[in-house]
N, C-alpha and C. Protein backbone atom coordinates (compact mmCIF):
# COMPACT_ATOMS: atom_id res chain seq x y z
N MET A 1 9.37 -13.80 -11.77
CA MET A 1 8.07 -13.47 -11.19
C MET A 1 7.28 -14.74 -10.88
N ARG A 2 6.69 -14.79 -9.70
CA ARG A 2 5.87 -15.94 -9.32
C ARG A 2 4.60 -15.99 -10.15
N GLN A 3 4.15 -17.20 -10.43
CA GLN A 3 2.88 -17.39 -11.11
C GLN A 3 1.77 -17.35 -10.07
N ILE A 4 0.93 -16.33 -10.14
CA ILE A 4 -0.12 -16.13 -9.16
C ILE A 4 -1.48 -16.44 -9.78
N THR A 5 -2.32 -17.16 -9.05
CA THR A 5 -3.69 -17.39 -9.48
C THR A 5 -4.57 -16.29 -8.88
N PHE A 6 -4.98 -15.36 -9.72
CA PHE A 6 -5.78 -14.24 -9.24
C PHE A 6 -7.26 -14.60 -9.26
N PRO A 7 -8.07 -13.93 -8.45
CA PRO A 7 -9.52 -14.21 -8.43
C PRO A 7 -10.18 -13.90 -9.76
N ASN A 8 -11.24 -14.61 -10.07
CA ASN A 8 -11.92 -14.48 -11.36
C ASN A 8 -12.44 -13.07 -11.61
N TRP A 9 -12.95 -12.42 -10.56
CA TRP A 9 -13.49 -11.08 -10.75
C TRP A 9 -12.42 -10.09 -11.20
N LEU A 10 -11.20 -10.28 -10.71
CA LEU A 10 -10.11 -9.39 -11.08
C LEU A 10 -9.67 -9.63 -12.53
N VAL A 11 -9.60 -10.89 -12.91
CA VAL A 11 -9.26 -11.23 -14.29
C VAL A 11 -10.32 -10.67 -15.24
N TRP A 12 -11.58 -10.76 -14.85
CA TRP A 12 -12.68 -10.24 -15.67
C TRP A 12 -12.56 -8.73 -15.86
N ILE A 13 -12.26 -8.03 -14.78
CA ILE A 13 -12.08 -6.57 -14.87
C ILE A 13 -10.91 -6.24 -15.79
N ASP A 14 -9.82 -6.97 -15.65
CA ASP A 14 -8.64 -6.72 -16.47
C ASP A 14 -8.93 -6.95 -17.95
N GLU A 15 -9.75 -7.93 -18.25
CA GLU A 15 -10.05 -8.25 -19.64
C GLU A 15 -11.06 -7.30 -20.27
N ASN A 16 -11.94 -6.71 -19.46
CA ASN A 16 -13.05 -5.93 -20.02
C ASN A 16 -12.98 -4.42 -19.76
N PHE A 17 -12.14 -4.01 -18.82
CA PHE A 17 -12.15 -2.59 -18.46
C PHE A 17 -10.74 -1.99 -18.42
N LYS A 18 -9.90 -2.43 -19.32
CA LYS A 18 -8.54 -1.89 -19.35
C LYS A 18 -8.54 -0.37 -19.57
N TRP A 19 -9.54 0.12 -20.25
CA TRP A 19 -9.62 1.55 -20.55
C TRP A 19 -9.82 2.40 -19.29
N LEU A 20 -10.21 1.75 -18.17
CA LEU A 20 -10.39 2.49 -16.92
C LEU A 20 -9.10 2.63 -16.12
N SER A 21 -8.04 1.97 -16.57
CA SER A 21 -6.78 2.06 -15.83
C SER A 21 -6.23 3.48 -15.87
N ILE A 22 -5.59 3.87 -14.79
CA ILE A 22 -5.01 5.22 -14.71
C ILE A 22 -3.63 5.20 -15.38
N PRO A 23 -3.45 5.93 -16.48
CA PRO A 23 -2.16 5.91 -17.16
C PRO A 23 -1.06 6.54 -16.31
N LYS A 24 0.11 5.90 -16.34
CA LYS A 24 1.28 6.42 -15.61
C LYS A 24 0.96 6.68 -14.13
N LEU A 25 0.27 5.74 -13.50
CA LEU A 25 -0.10 5.89 -12.09
C LEU A 25 1.12 6.07 -11.18
N PRO A 26 2.22 5.33 -11.37
CA PRO A 26 3.40 5.57 -10.51
C PRO A 26 3.89 7.01 -10.57
N LEU A 27 3.91 7.60 -11.78
CA LEU A 27 4.35 8.99 -11.92
C LEU A 27 3.37 9.94 -11.28
N VAL A 28 2.07 9.69 -11.45
CA VAL A 28 1.03 10.55 -10.87
C VAL A 28 1.15 10.57 -9.35
N LEU A 29 1.27 9.39 -8.74
CA LEU A 29 1.37 9.32 -7.28
C LEU A 29 2.66 9.94 -6.76
N THR A 30 3.74 9.78 -7.51
CA THR A 30 5.02 10.38 -7.10
C THR A 30 4.94 11.90 -7.14
N ILE A 31 4.30 12.44 -8.16
CA ILE A 31 4.14 13.90 -8.26
C ILE A 31 3.27 14.42 -7.11
N ILE A 32 2.20 13.68 -6.79
CA ILE A 32 1.34 14.08 -5.67
C ILE A 32 2.13 14.10 -4.37
N GLN A 33 2.97 13.06 -4.17
CA GLN A 33 3.82 13.02 -2.97
C GLN A 33 4.83 14.17 -2.96
N ALA A 34 5.37 14.48 -4.11
CA ALA A 34 6.33 15.59 -4.21
C ALA A 34 5.66 16.91 -3.84
N LEU A 35 4.42 17.09 -4.26
CA LEU A 35 3.68 18.31 -3.89
C LEU A 35 3.44 18.35 -2.38
N GLY A 36 3.19 17.18 -1.79
CA GLY A 36 3.03 17.13 -0.34
C GLY A 36 4.30 17.53 0.38
N PHE A 37 5.45 17.04 -0.10
CA PHE A 37 6.74 17.45 0.46
C PHE A 37 6.93 18.96 0.34
N LEU A 38 6.55 19.51 -0.83
CA LEU A 38 6.73 20.94 -1.06
C LEU A 38 5.87 21.76 -0.11
N LEU A 39 4.64 21.36 0.09
CA LEU A 39 3.76 22.07 1.03
C LEU A 39 4.32 22.01 2.45
N ASP A 40 4.85 20.87 2.83
CA ASP A 40 5.41 20.70 4.17
C ASP A 40 6.64 21.57 4.34
N TRP A 41 7.38 21.77 3.26
CA TRP A 41 8.60 22.58 3.33
C TRP A 41 8.28 24.08 3.32
N VAL A 42 7.30 24.48 2.50
CA VAL A 42 6.92 25.89 2.40
C VAL A 42 6.30 26.38 3.70
N LYS A 43 5.43 25.59 4.26
CA LYS A 43 4.76 25.97 5.51
C LYS A 43 5.04 24.90 6.54
N PRO A 44 6.10 25.06 7.35
CA PRO A 44 6.48 24.01 8.32
C PRO A 44 5.50 23.91 9.49
N PHE A 45 5.89 23.08 10.43
CA PHE A 45 5.12 22.83 11.65
C PHE A 45 3.79 22.14 11.36
N GLY A 46 3.70 21.46 10.23
CA GLY A 46 2.54 20.62 9.97
C GLY A 46 1.26 21.35 9.63
N PHE A 47 1.35 22.63 9.24
CA PHE A 47 0.13 23.41 8.97
C PHE A 47 -0.67 22.81 7.82
N TYR A 48 -0.03 22.66 6.66
CA TYR A 48 -0.73 22.11 5.50
C TYR A 48 -1.00 20.62 5.67
N ILE A 49 -0.06 19.93 6.31
CA ILE A 49 -0.24 18.49 6.51
C ILE A 49 -1.51 18.22 7.29
N ASP A 50 -1.80 19.04 8.29
CA ASP A 50 -3.02 18.86 9.07
C ASP A 50 -4.26 19.13 8.23
N LEU A 51 -4.15 20.03 7.27
CA LEU A 51 -5.27 20.31 6.38
C LEU A 51 -5.51 19.16 5.40
N LEU A 52 -4.44 18.40 5.10
CA LEU A 52 -4.55 17.29 4.17
C LEU A 52 -5.00 16.00 4.83
N ALA A 53 -4.77 15.87 6.14
CA ALA A 53 -5.00 14.61 6.85
C ALA A 53 -6.47 14.21 6.82
N LEU A 54 -6.68 12.89 6.85
CA LEU A 54 -8.04 12.34 6.87
C LEU A 54 -8.49 12.19 8.32
N HIS A 55 -9.19 13.21 8.82
CA HIS A 55 -9.80 13.16 10.15
C HIS A 55 -11.29 12.88 9.95
N PRO A 56 -11.76 11.68 10.27
CA PRO A 56 -13.16 11.33 10.00
C PRO A 56 -14.17 12.34 10.55
N TYR A 57 -13.95 12.84 11.76
CA TYR A 57 -14.92 13.74 12.36
C TYR A 57 -15.00 15.07 11.62
N LEU A 58 -13.88 15.48 10.96
CA LEU A 58 -13.90 16.72 10.19
C LEU A 58 -14.56 16.51 8.82
N VAL A 59 -14.45 15.31 8.29
CA VAL A 59 -15.15 15.00 7.03
C VAL A 59 -16.65 15.11 7.24
N PHE A 60 -17.12 14.62 8.40
CA PHE A 60 -18.55 14.72 8.71
C PHE A 60 -19.00 16.17 8.87
N LYS A 61 -18.03 17.05 9.13
CA LYS A 61 -18.36 18.47 9.26
C LYS A 61 -18.29 19.20 7.92
N GLY A 62 -18.03 18.46 6.85
CA GLY A 62 -18.07 19.07 5.52
C GLY A 62 -16.73 19.18 4.82
N GLU A 63 -15.64 18.78 5.48
CA GLU A 63 -14.32 18.90 4.85
C GLU A 63 -14.04 17.65 4.01
N ILE A 64 -14.82 17.54 2.92
CA ILE A 64 -14.81 16.34 2.08
C ILE A 64 -13.46 16.13 1.40
N TRP A 65 -12.72 17.21 1.15
CA TRP A 65 -11.46 17.07 0.42
C TRP A 65 -10.47 16.12 1.11
N ARG A 66 -10.64 15.91 2.39
CA ARG A 66 -9.69 15.10 3.15
C ARG A 66 -9.66 13.64 2.71
N ILE A 67 -10.75 13.13 2.11
CA ILE A 67 -10.74 11.74 1.66
C ILE A 67 -9.87 11.56 0.42
N PHE A 68 -9.45 12.68 -0.18
CA PHE A 68 -8.55 12.63 -1.33
C PHE A 68 -7.13 13.09 -0.98
N THR A 69 -7.04 14.16 -0.20
CA THR A 69 -5.75 14.83 -0.02
C THR A 69 -4.77 14.09 0.88
N PHE A 70 -5.26 13.14 1.71
CA PHE A 70 -4.32 12.43 2.58
C PHE A 70 -3.28 11.65 1.78
N ILE A 71 -3.59 11.37 0.51
CA ILE A 71 -2.65 10.64 -0.35
C ILE A 71 -1.36 11.44 -0.57
N ALA A 72 -1.45 12.76 -0.42
CA ALA A 72 -0.28 13.61 -0.66
C ALA A 72 0.63 13.76 0.56
N ILE A 73 0.21 13.24 1.72
CA ILE A 73 1.01 13.44 2.93
C ILE A 73 2.27 12.57 2.86
N PRO A 74 3.44 13.18 2.91
CA PRO A 74 4.70 12.43 2.76
C PRO A 74 5.17 11.83 4.07
N LEU A 75 6.20 10.99 3.97
CA LEU A 75 6.88 10.53 5.17
C LEU A 75 7.56 11.72 5.84
N PRO A 76 7.61 11.76 7.17
CA PRO A 76 8.08 12.95 7.88
C PRO A 76 9.59 13.08 7.95
N ASN A 77 10.25 13.09 6.80
CA ASN A 77 11.70 13.27 6.78
C ASN A 77 12.10 13.98 5.50
N ASN A 78 12.11 15.31 5.56
CA ASN A 78 12.40 16.10 4.37
C ASN A 78 13.84 15.96 3.91
N LEU A 79 14.73 15.50 4.81
CA LEU A 79 16.13 15.37 4.43
C LEU A 79 16.33 14.24 3.41
N LEU A 80 15.42 13.28 3.41
CA LEU A 80 15.54 12.14 2.51
C LEU A 80 14.50 12.17 1.39
N VAL A 81 14.01 13.38 1.07
CA VAL A 81 12.91 13.50 0.13
C VAL A 81 13.23 12.86 -1.22
N ILE A 82 14.40 13.12 -1.77
CA ILE A 82 14.75 12.60 -3.09
C ILE A 82 14.83 11.07 -3.05
N LEU A 83 15.45 10.54 -2.00
CA LEU A 83 15.59 9.09 -1.86
C LEU A 83 14.24 8.43 -1.69
N VAL A 84 13.36 9.02 -0.88
CA VAL A 84 12.03 8.45 -0.64
C VAL A 84 11.21 8.44 -1.92
N LEU A 85 11.21 9.56 -2.64
CA LEU A 85 10.44 9.65 -3.88
C LEU A 85 11.00 8.71 -4.94
N TRP A 86 12.32 8.61 -5.00
CA TRP A 86 12.94 7.70 -5.98
C TRP A 86 12.56 6.26 -5.66
N PHE A 87 12.65 5.88 -4.40
CA PHE A 87 12.31 4.52 -4.00
C PHE A 87 10.85 4.23 -4.30
N PHE A 88 9.96 5.15 -3.94
CA PHE A 88 8.53 4.96 -4.16
C PHE A 88 8.23 4.79 -5.65
N TYR A 89 8.77 5.68 -6.47
CA TYR A 89 8.52 5.60 -7.91
C TYR A 89 9.09 4.32 -8.50
N ASP A 90 10.27 3.94 -8.04
CA ASP A 90 10.94 2.75 -8.59
C ASP A 90 10.14 1.48 -8.31
N PHE A 91 9.71 1.29 -7.07
CA PHE A 91 9.00 0.04 -6.79
C PHE A 91 7.59 0.06 -7.36
N MET A 92 6.99 1.26 -7.54
CA MET A 92 5.68 1.32 -8.20
C MET A 92 5.79 0.95 -9.68
N VAL A 93 6.87 1.40 -10.31
CA VAL A 93 7.10 1.03 -11.71
C VAL A 93 7.34 -0.47 -11.84
N LEU A 94 8.13 -1.02 -10.92
CA LEU A 94 8.36 -2.47 -10.93
C LEU A 94 7.06 -3.24 -10.75
N LEU A 95 6.20 -2.74 -9.89
CA LEU A 95 4.92 -3.39 -9.67
C LEU A 95 4.05 -3.31 -10.91
N GLU A 96 4.06 -2.16 -11.56
CA GLU A 96 3.27 -2.00 -12.79
C GLU A 96 3.78 -2.91 -13.91
N GLU A 97 5.11 -3.02 -14.01
CA GLU A 97 5.69 -3.89 -15.04
C GLU A 97 5.38 -5.37 -14.76
N SER A 98 5.34 -5.74 -13.49
CA SER A 98 5.06 -7.13 -13.13
C SER A 98 3.60 -7.47 -13.26
N TRP A 99 2.75 -6.48 -13.07
CA TRP A 99 1.33 -6.69 -12.86
C TRP A 99 0.46 -6.22 -14.01
N GLY A 100 0.86 -5.10 -14.60
CA GLY A 100 0.02 -4.45 -15.59
C GLY A 100 -0.68 -3.24 -15.00
N SER A 101 -1.02 -2.28 -15.84
CA SER A 101 -1.60 -1.02 -15.39
C SER A 101 -2.96 -1.20 -14.74
N MET A 102 -3.78 -2.11 -15.29
CA MET A 102 -5.14 -2.29 -14.76
C MET A 102 -5.12 -2.87 -13.36
N PHE A 103 -4.30 -3.91 -13.14
CA PHE A 103 -4.20 -4.51 -11.82
C PHE A 103 -3.72 -3.48 -10.79
N LEU A 104 -2.73 -2.69 -11.18
CA LEU A 104 -2.19 -1.68 -10.27
C LEU A 104 -3.25 -0.64 -9.93
N THR A 105 -4.02 -0.23 -10.92
CA THR A 105 -5.07 0.76 -10.70
C THR A 105 -6.12 0.23 -9.74
N VAL A 106 -6.58 -1.00 -9.96
CA VAL A 106 -7.60 -1.60 -9.08
C VAL A 106 -7.06 -1.75 -7.66
N TYR A 107 -5.80 -2.18 -7.56
CA TYR A 107 -5.19 -2.36 -6.24
C TYR A 107 -5.11 -1.02 -5.50
N PHE A 108 -4.72 0.02 -6.21
CA PHE A 108 -4.65 1.36 -5.61
C PHE A 108 -6.02 1.83 -5.16
N MET A 109 -7.04 1.65 -6.02
CA MET A 109 -8.38 2.13 -5.70
C MET A 109 -8.93 1.41 -4.47
N ILE A 110 -8.72 0.09 -4.39
CA ILE A 110 -9.21 -0.67 -3.24
C ILE A 110 -8.45 -0.25 -1.97
N ALA A 111 -7.13 -0.02 -2.10
CA ALA A 111 -6.34 0.44 -0.95
C ALA A 111 -6.83 1.80 -0.47
N TRP A 112 -7.13 2.68 -1.41
CA TRP A 112 -7.62 4.02 -1.07
C TRP A 112 -8.98 3.94 -0.37
N LEU A 113 -9.93 3.21 -0.98
CA LEU A 113 -11.25 3.07 -0.39
C LEU A 113 -11.19 2.31 0.94
N GLY A 114 -10.30 1.31 1.02
CA GLY A 114 -10.13 0.57 2.27
C GLY A 114 -9.61 1.44 3.39
N THR A 115 -8.70 2.36 3.06
CA THR A 115 -8.17 3.29 4.05
C THR A 115 -9.27 4.18 4.60
N ILE A 116 -10.11 4.69 3.69
CA ILE A 116 -11.21 5.56 4.10
C ILE A 116 -12.19 4.80 4.99
N PHE A 117 -12.55 3.58 4.56
CA PHE A 117 -13.49 2.77 5.32
C PHE A 117 -12.92 2.46 6.71
N ALA A 118 -11.65 2.06 6.76
CA ALA A 118 -11.02 1.72 8.04
C ALA A 118 -10.96 2.93 8.97
N ALA A 119 -10.67 4.11 8.40
CA ALA A 119 -10.59 5.32 9.21
C ALA A 119 -11.94 5.66 9.83
N PHE A 120 -13.01 5.55 9.03
CA PHE A 120 -14.34 5.87 9.55
C PHE A 120 -14.83 4.83 10.53
N LEU A 121 -14.47 3.57 10.30
CA LEU A 121 -14.93 2.50 11.19
C LEU A 121 -14.25 2.56 12.55
N THR A 122 -12.96 2.86 12.55
CA THR A 122 -12.18 2.85 13.80
C THR A 122 -12.04 4.23 14.43
N GLY A 123 -12.28 5.29 13.63
CA GLY A 123 -12.09 6.64 14.13
C GLY A 123 -10.64 7.08 14.13
N VAL A 124 -9.74 6.27 13.56
CA VAL A 124 -8.32 6.60 13.51
C VAL A 124 -8.05 7.59 12.38
N SER A 125 -7.37 8.67 12.69
CA SER A 125 -7.02 9.66 11.67
C SER A 125 -5.87 9.14 10.82
N VAL A 126 -5.91 9.45 9.53
CA VAL A 126 -4.86 9.04 8.60
C VAL A 126 -4.01 10.27 8.29
N GLU A 127 -2.77 10.26 8.77
CA GLU A 127 -1.89 11.41 8.62
C GLU A 127 -0.64 11.06 7.83
N THR A 128 -0.70 9.96 7.08
CA THR A 128 0.43 9.56 6.24
C THR A 128 -0.06 8.62 5.15
N PHE A 129 0.65 8.62 4.04
CA PHE A 129 0.38 7.71 2.93
C PHE A 129 1.17 6.42 3.09
N ALA A 130 1.96 6.34 4.17
CA ALA A 130 2.92 5.25 4.34
C ALA A 130 2.25 3.88 4.40
N TYR A 131 1.07 3.79 5.04
CA TYR A 131 0.41 2.49 5.15
C TYR A 131 0.04 1.94 3.78
N MET A 132 -0.48 2.81 2.92
CA MET A 132 -0.82 2.37 1.57
C MET A 132 0.45 2.00 0.80
N GLU A 133 1.52 2.73 1.02
CA GLU A 133 2.79 2.39 0.37
C GLU A 133 3.25 1.00 0.80
N CYS A 134 3.06 0.68 2.06
CA CYS A 134 3.45 -0.64 2.56
C CYS A 134 2.66 -1.75 1.87
N SER A 135 1.38 -1.50 1.59
CA SER A 135 0.57 -2.52 0.91
C SER A 135 1.09 -2.77 -0.49
N PHE A 136 1.65 -1.74 -1.15
CA PHE A 136 2.26 -1.92 -2.46
C PHE A 136 3.54 -2.75 -2.35
N VAL A 137 4.29 -2.52 -1.29
CA VAL A 137 5.51 -3.30 -1.06
C VAL A 137 5.17 -4.77 -0.88
N PHE A 138 4.10 -5.06 -0.13
CA PHE A 138 3.68 -6.45 0.07
C PHE A 138 3.31 -7.11 -1.25
N ALA A 139 2.62 -6.37 -2.11
CA ALA A 139 2.23 -6.92 -3.41
C ALA A 139 3.45 -7.24 -4.26
N LEU A 140 4.40 -6.30 -4.28
CA LEU A 140 5.61 -6.51 -5.07
C LEU A 140 6.44 -7.66 -4.51
N ALA A 141 6.50 -7.78 -3.19
CA ALA A 141 7.25 -8.87 -2.56
C ALA A 141 6.61 -10.22 -2.85
N THR A 142 5.29 -10.26 -3.03
CA THR A 142 4.60 -11.50 -3.36
C THR A 142 4.86 -11.90 -4.81
N LEU A 143 4.87 -10.91 -5.69
CA LEU A 143 5.08 -11.18 -7.11
C LEU A 143 6.55 -11.48 -7.41
N ASN A 144 7.45 -10.75 -6.75
CA ASN A 144 8.89 -10.92 -6.98
C ASN A 144 9.62 -11.04 -5.64
N PRO A 145 9.42 -12.14 -4.92
CA PRO A 145 9.95 -12.24 -3.55
C PRO A 145 11.47 -12.17 -3.45
N ASN A 146 12.18 -12.64 -4.46
CA ASN A 146 13.64 -12.70 -4.39
C ASN A 146 14.34 -11.53 -5.08
N LYS A 147 13.56 -10.63 -5.64
CA LYS A 147 14.17 -9.44 -6.26
C LYS A 147 14.77 -8.58 -5.17
N GLU A 148 15.94 -8.03 -5.42
CA GLU A 148 16.68 -7.34 -4.35
C GLU A 148 16.66 -5.83 -4.49
N LEU A 149 16.63 -5.19 -3.34
CA LEU A 149 16.81 -3.75 -3.24
C LEU A 149 18.15 -3.53 -2.54
N HIS A 150 18.94 -2.60 -3.06
CA HIS A 150 20.25 -2.32 -2.45
C HIS A 150 20.10 -1.18 -1.45
N LEU A 151 20.06 -1.55 -0.17
CA LEU A 151 19.94 -0.57 0.90
C LEU A 151 21.19 0.29 0.95
N PHE A 152 20.96 1.62 0.96
CA PHE A 152 22.06 2.58 0.92
C PHE A 152 22.95 2.33 -0.31
N PHE A 153 22.34 1.74 -1.36
CA PHE A 153 23.02 1.46 -2.63
C PHE A 153 24.14 0.43 -2.47
N ILE A 154 24.17 -0.27 -1.33
CA ILE A 154 25.25 -1.23 -1.07
C ILE A 154 24.71 -2.60 -0.68
N LEU A 155 23.93 -2.64 0.39
CA LEU A 155 23.51 -3.90 0.99
C LEU A 155 22.28 -4.47 0.26
N PRO A 156 22.41 -5.64 -0.39
CA PRO A 156 21.26 -6.23 -1.09
C PRO A 156 20.30 -6.93 -0.12
N ILE A 157 19.02 -6.56 -0.23
CA ILE A 157 17.98 -7.18 0.60
C ILE A 157 16.82 -7.57 -0.30
N ALA A 158 16.38 -8.82 -0.19
CA ALA A 158 15.26 -9.30 -1.00
C ALA A 158 13.96 -8.63 -0.54
N PHE A 159 13.06 -8.41 -1.49
CA PHE A 159 11.79 -7.77 -1.18
C PHE A 159 11.00 -8.53 -0.11
N LYS A 160 11.11 -9.86 -0.12
CA LYS A 160 10.32 -10.64 0.84
C LYS A 160 10.74 -10.33 2.28
N TRP A 161 12.05 -10.08 2.51
CA TRP A 161 12.50 -9.78 3.86
C TRP A 161 12.08 -8.37 4.27
N ILE A 162 12.05 -7.45 3.32
CA ILE A 162 11.56 -6.10 3.60
C ILE A 162 10.10 -6.15 4.00
N ALA A 163 9.32 -6.97 3.27
CA ALA A 163 7.89 -7.10 3.56
C ALA A 163 7.66 -7.73 4.93
N PHE A 164 8.44 -8.76 5.28
CA PHE A 164 8.30 -9.40 6.59
C PHE A 164 8.62 -8.40 7.72
N PHE A 165 9.65 -7.62 7.52
CA PHE A 165 10.05 -6.63 8.53
C PHE A 165 8.95 -5.58 8.73
N ILE A 166 8.41 -5.06 7.62
CA ILE A 166 7.35 -4.05 7.70
C ILE A 166 6.11 -4.63 8.35
N ALA A 167 5.74 -5.87 7.96
CA ALA A 167 4.55 -6.50 8.53
C ALA A 167 4.70 -6.68 10.04
N GLY A 168 5.89 -7.07 10.47
CA GLY A 168 6.15 -7.24 11.90
C GLY A 168 5.96 -5.94 12.66
N ILE A 169 6.50 -4.85 12.10
CA ILE A 169 6.38 -3.54 12.76
C ILE A 169 4.91 -3.12 12.84
N LEU A 170 4.20 -3.27 11.72
CA LEU A 170 2.81 -2.81 11.67
C LEU A 170 1.92 -3.58 12.64
N LEU A 171 2.21 -4.85 12.85
CA LEU A 171 1.37 -5.66 13.73
C LEU A 171 1.80 -5.59 15.19
N VAL A 172 3.10 -5.43 15.43
CA VAL A 172 3.62 -5.45 16.80
C VAL A 172 3.40 -4.11 17.51
N VAL A 173 3.63 -3.00 16.80
CA VAL A 173 3.54 -1.68 17.43
C VAL A 173 2.18 -1.43 18.08
N PRO A 174 1.04 -1.71 17.39
CA PRO A 174 -0.25 -1.50 18.07
C PRO A 174 -0.41 -2.32 19.35
N TRP A 175 0.16 -3.56 19.37
CA TRP A 175 0.09 -4.37 20.58
C TRP A 175 0.90 -3.74 21.71
N VAL A 176 2.09 -3.25 21.36
CA VAL A 176 2.96 -2.62 22.35
C VAL A 176 2.29 -1.38 22.93
N LEU A 177 1.66 -0.59 22.05
CA LEU A 177 1.00 0.65 22.49
C LEU A 177 -0.40 0.39 23.03
N ASN A 178 -0.81 -0.88 23.00
CA ASN A 178 -2.14 -1.26 23.48
C ASN A 178 -3.24 -0.50 22.73
N SER A 179 -3.02 -0.31 21.43
CA SER A 179 -3.96 0.43 20.59
C SER A 179 -4.67 -0.55 19.66
N TYR A 180 -5.78 -1.10 20.13
CA TYR A 180 -6.50 -2.10 19.35
C TYR A 180 -7.21 -1.47 18.15
N SER A 181 -7.62 -0.21 18.28
CA SER A 181 -8.24 0.46 17.14
C SER A 181 -7.24 0.63 16.01
N GLN A 182 -5.97 0.91 16.36
CA GLN A 182 -4.92 1.02 15.35
C GLN A 182 -4.66 -0.34 14.70
N LEU A 183 -4.69 -1.40 15.49
CA LEU A 183 -4.48 -2.74 14.95
C LEU A 183 -5.60 -3.12 13.99
N ILE A 184 -6.84 -2.82 14.37
CA ILE A 184 -7.99 -3.10 13.49
C ILE A 184 -7.86 -2.29 12.21
N TYR A 185 -7.43 -1.05 12.34
CA TYR A 185 -7.24 -0.19 11.17
C TYR A 185 -6.23 -0.79 10.21
N VAL A 186 -5.09 -1.26 10.73
CA VAL A 186 -4.05 -1.86 9.89
C VAL A 186 -4.57 -3.11 9.18
N ILE A 187 -5.29 -3.96 9.91
CA ILE A 187 -5.82 -5.19 9.33
C ILE A 187 -6.82 -4.88 8.21
N LEU A 188 -7.72 -3.93 8.46
CA LEU A 188 -8.71 -3.57 7.45
C LEU A 188 -8.05 -2.94 6.24
N LEU A 189 -7.02 -2.16 6.48
CA LEU A 189 -6.34 -1.48 5.38
C LEU A 189 -5.75 -2.47 4.39
N PHE A 190 -5.23 -3.59 4.90
CA PHE A 190 -4.58 -4.56 4.02
C PHE A 190 -5.52 -5.65 3.53
N ALA A 191 -6.82 -5.39 3.66
CA ALA A 191 -7.79 -6.33 3.12
C ALA A 191 -7.65 -6.45 1.60
N ASN A 192 -7.20 -5.37 0.95
CA ASN A 192 -7.02 -5.43 -0.51
C ASN A 192 -5.96 -6.46 -0.89
N TYR A 193 -4.95 -6.62 -0.03
CA TYR A 193 -3.92 -7.62 -0.31
C TYR A 193 -4.53 -9.02 -0.32
N LEU A 194 -5.41 -9.29 0.64
CA LEU A 194 -6.06 -10.60 0.70
C LEU A 194 -7.03 -10.79 -0.46
N LEU A 195 -7.70 -9.72 -0.87
CA LEU A 195 -8.60 -9.81 -2.01
C LEU A 195 -7.86 -10.23 -3.28
N PHE A 196 -6.64 -9.74 -3.42
CA PHE A 196 -5.85 -10.04 -4.62
C PHE A 196 -5.14 -11.38 -4.52
N PHE A 197 -4.59 -11.69 -3.36
CA PHE A 197 -3.72 -12.86 -3.24
C PHE A 197 -4.30 -13.99 -2.40
N GLY A 198 -5.46 -13.77 -1.79
CA GLY A 198 -6.05 -14.79 -0.94
C GLY A 198 -6.35 -16.08 -1.68
N LYS A 199 -6.87 -15.99 -2.89
CA LYS A 199 -7.19 -17.19 -3.67
C LYS A 199 -5.93 -18.01 -3.95
N ASP A 200 -4.84 -17.34 -4.29
CA ASP A 200 -3.59 -18.04 -4.60
C ASP A 200 -3.05 -18.74 -3.36
N TYR A 201 -3.11 -18.08 -2.19
CA TYR A 201 -2.65 -18.72 -0.95
C TYR A 201 -3.51 -19.94 -0.62
N TRP A 202 -4.82 -19.82 -0.85
CA TRP A 202 -5.70 -20.93 -0.54
C TRP A 202 -5.41 -22.13 -1.45
N ILE A 203 -5.18 -21.88 -2.73
CA ILE A 203 -4.86 -22.96 -3.68
C ILE A 203 -3.55 -23.63 -3.30
N ARG A 204 -2.55 -22.83 -2.95
CA ARG A 204 -1.26 -23.40 -2.55
C ARG A 204 -1.41 -24.22 -1.26
N PHE A 205 -2.24 -23.73 -0.35
CA PHE A 205 -2.47 -24.45 0.91
C PHE A 205 -3.13 -25.79 0.65
N ARG A 206 -4.13 -25.82 -0.24
CA ARG A 206 -4.81 -27.06 -0.56
C ARG A 206 -3.88 -28.06 -1.25
N LYS A 207 -3.02 -27.54 -2.13
CA LYS A 207 -2.06 -28.41 -2.81
C LYS A 207 -1.08 -29.03 -1.83
N GLU A 208 -0.65 -28.23 -0.86
CA GLU A 208 0.28 -28.74 0.15
C GLU A 208 -0.39 -29.82 1.01
N LEU A 209 -1.66 -29.61 1.36
CA LEU A 209 -2.38 -30.63 2.11
C LEU A 209 -2.52 -31.93 1.31
N ASP A 210 -2.80 -31.80 0.01
CA ASP A 210 -2.94 -32.98 -0.83
C ASP A 210 -1.63 -33.74 -0.93
N LYS A 211 -0.51 -33.00 -1.02
CA LYS A 211 0.80 -33.66 -1.09
C LYS A 211 1.08 -34.46 0.18
N ARG A 212 0.75 -33.87 1.33
CA ARG A 212 1.01 -34.54 2.61
C ARG A 212 0.11 -35.76 2.77
N LYS A 213 -1.12 -35.69 2.27
CA LYS A 213 -2.01 -36.83 2.33
C LYS A 213 -1.50 -37.98 1.49
N MET A 214 -0.94 -37.65 0.32
CA MET A 214 -0.41 -38.67 -0.57
C MET A 214 0.82 -39.36 0.04
N LYS A 215 1.61 -38.61 0.80
CA LYS A 215 2.80 -39.19 1.44
C LYS A 215 2.42 -40.18 2.54
N HIS A 216 1.28 -39.92 3.17
CA HIS A 216 0.85 -40.80 4.25
C HIS A 216 -0.01 -41.94 3.70
């Protein structure tokens, strides 16, 4: 695991408010996702999924539950439900083991609130939990960049390459579709990643500059 310099406010929260951490958060989120898969299977054609989605204009009309229920919306492939849930639970547990329960809870809460804020600011509806899942992958890839996932249980791929691939897709697709509101939404959504790791990147950047100055 990489040694990360986290911001002081996060360290302070971890030291003083551990009791606020959500116990067994990976299991809780996996169960919520499983319920979303079940609803999608029981009532096909997206009936329940549309009721769960975060549509900002409907929230303003009183459908407040949507700011919570979008977390249950699964990836749109019921044939791979077991594999998707297993993968999600596995990397969430790895993240919790690397990070601790409090850090994971704060990261989740900021990702959740950031998603809501981004949706209302851009007007983009949130119809999947996948973007938040990607932010967890980025965090795990930063903490354990060389840890490998065996694709199809055969091909080993390091987490850092998975994160680079996902980041490329998330940033390139809005440009291709000429959807700047979607691009802004993606950038705002991953603000929690910068809140957690921005200080460490800045310190590493300054150290690299100092090394180059010393060489010259």
